[in-house]
Amino acid sequence: MPKMKTHRAAAKRYKVTASGKIMRQSAGKKHLLQHKSISRKRRLTGTTEVSSCNLDLISKELPYKKYSR
């Protein structure tokens, strides 16, 4: 059997923590920032955990997530 391939776009977008959680960047922080409030931009900084409804879809794209650390 051939090896499964990692979806490269997903591998660049998500990071796996040591406990196995999948983290993502908050959306809406790349452009059109002049009309967004400072507090909103600050809230969008950093990473958040992927929601449970998308978790199995993303896990399918990252078959070797256990070894990605």
Protein backbone atom coordinates (compact mmCIF):
# COMPACT_ATOMS: atom_id res chain seq x y z
CA MET A 1 0.00 0.00 0.00
CA PRO A 2 1.25 3.51 -0.72
CA LYS A 3 1.63 5.99 2.09
CA MET A 4 -1.13 8.53 2.72
CA LYS A 5 -0.27 12.09 1.73
CA THR A 6 -0.69 15.08 4.00
CA HIS A 7 -2.80 17.89 2.57
CA ARG A 8 -0.10 20.56 2.33
CA ALA A 9 -2.44 23.56 2.58
CA ALA A 10 -3.88 22.14 5.80
CA ALA A 11 -0.41 21.43 7.19
CA LYS A 12 0.49 25.11 6.70
CA ARG A 13 -2.73 26.40 8.28
CA TYR A 14 -2.98 24.26 11.40
CA LYS A 15 -0.59 23.49 14.25
CA VAL A 16 -0.90 20.49 16.57
CA THR A 17 -0.19 20.98 20.27
CA ALA A 18 1.57 18.45 22.49
CA SER A 19 -1.78 17.30 23.89
CA GLY A 20 -3.15 16.73 20.37
CA LYS A 21 -5.37 19.79 19.96
CA ILE A 22 -5.44 21.44 16.52
CA MET A 23 -4.96 25.21 16.61
CA ARG A 24 -5.78 27.76 13.90
CA GLN A 25 -5.39 31.49 13.31
CA SER A 26 -8.40 33.75 13.77
CA ALA A 27 -10.00 34.92 10.54
CA GLY A 28 -10.30 38.60 9.60
CA LYS A 29 -6.87 39.94 10.54
CA LYS A 30 -5.14 40.12 7.13
CA HIS A 31 -6.55 43.19 5.35
CA LEU A 32 -9.27 45.89 5.52
CA LEU A 33 -8.09 46.70 9.04
CA GLN A 34 -8.64 50.47 9.01
CA HIS A 35 -12.36 50.30 9.85
CA LYS A 36 -12.01 47.59 12.52
CA SER A 37 -11.69 48.72 16.12
CA ILE A 38 -8.44 48.24 18.04
CA SER A 39 -10.12 45.93 20.54
CA ARG A 40 -11.50 43.78 17.73
CA LYS A 41 -8.08 43.51 16.10
CA ARG A 42 -6.52 42.60 19.45
CA ARG A 43 -9.14 39.91 20.01
CA LEU A 44 -8.33 38.38 16.61
CA THR A 45 -4.61 38.09 17.49
CA GLY A 46 -3.23 34.68 18.36
CA THR A 47 -4.54 31.17 17.84
CA THR A 48 -7.78 29.44 18.76
CA GLU A 49 -8.77 25.81 18.92
CA VAL A 50 -10.54 24.26 15.92
CA SER A 51 -14.26 23.70 16.58
CA SER A 52 -15.45 20.15 17.17
CA CYS A 53 -17.66 20.09 14.06
CA ASN A 54 -14.61 20.59 11.78
CA LEU A 55 -12.23 18.41 13.76
CA ASP A 56 -12.73 15.13 11.87
CA LEU A 57 -12.47 16.85 8.47
CA ILE A 58 -9.15 18.45 9.41
CA SER A 59 -7.88 15.25 11.02
CA LYS A 60 -8.47 13.47 7.70
CA GLU A 61 -6.26 16.03 5.96
CA LEU A 62 -3.49 15.56 8.55
CA PRO A 63 -3.05 11.77 8.75
CA TYR A 64 0.34 12.02 10.51
CA LYS A 65 -0.59 14.74 12.98
CA LYS A 66 0.76 12.67 15.87
CA TYR A 67 4.29 13.10 14.46
CA SER A 68 4.03 16.71 13.30
CA ARG A 69 5.65 18.13 16.47
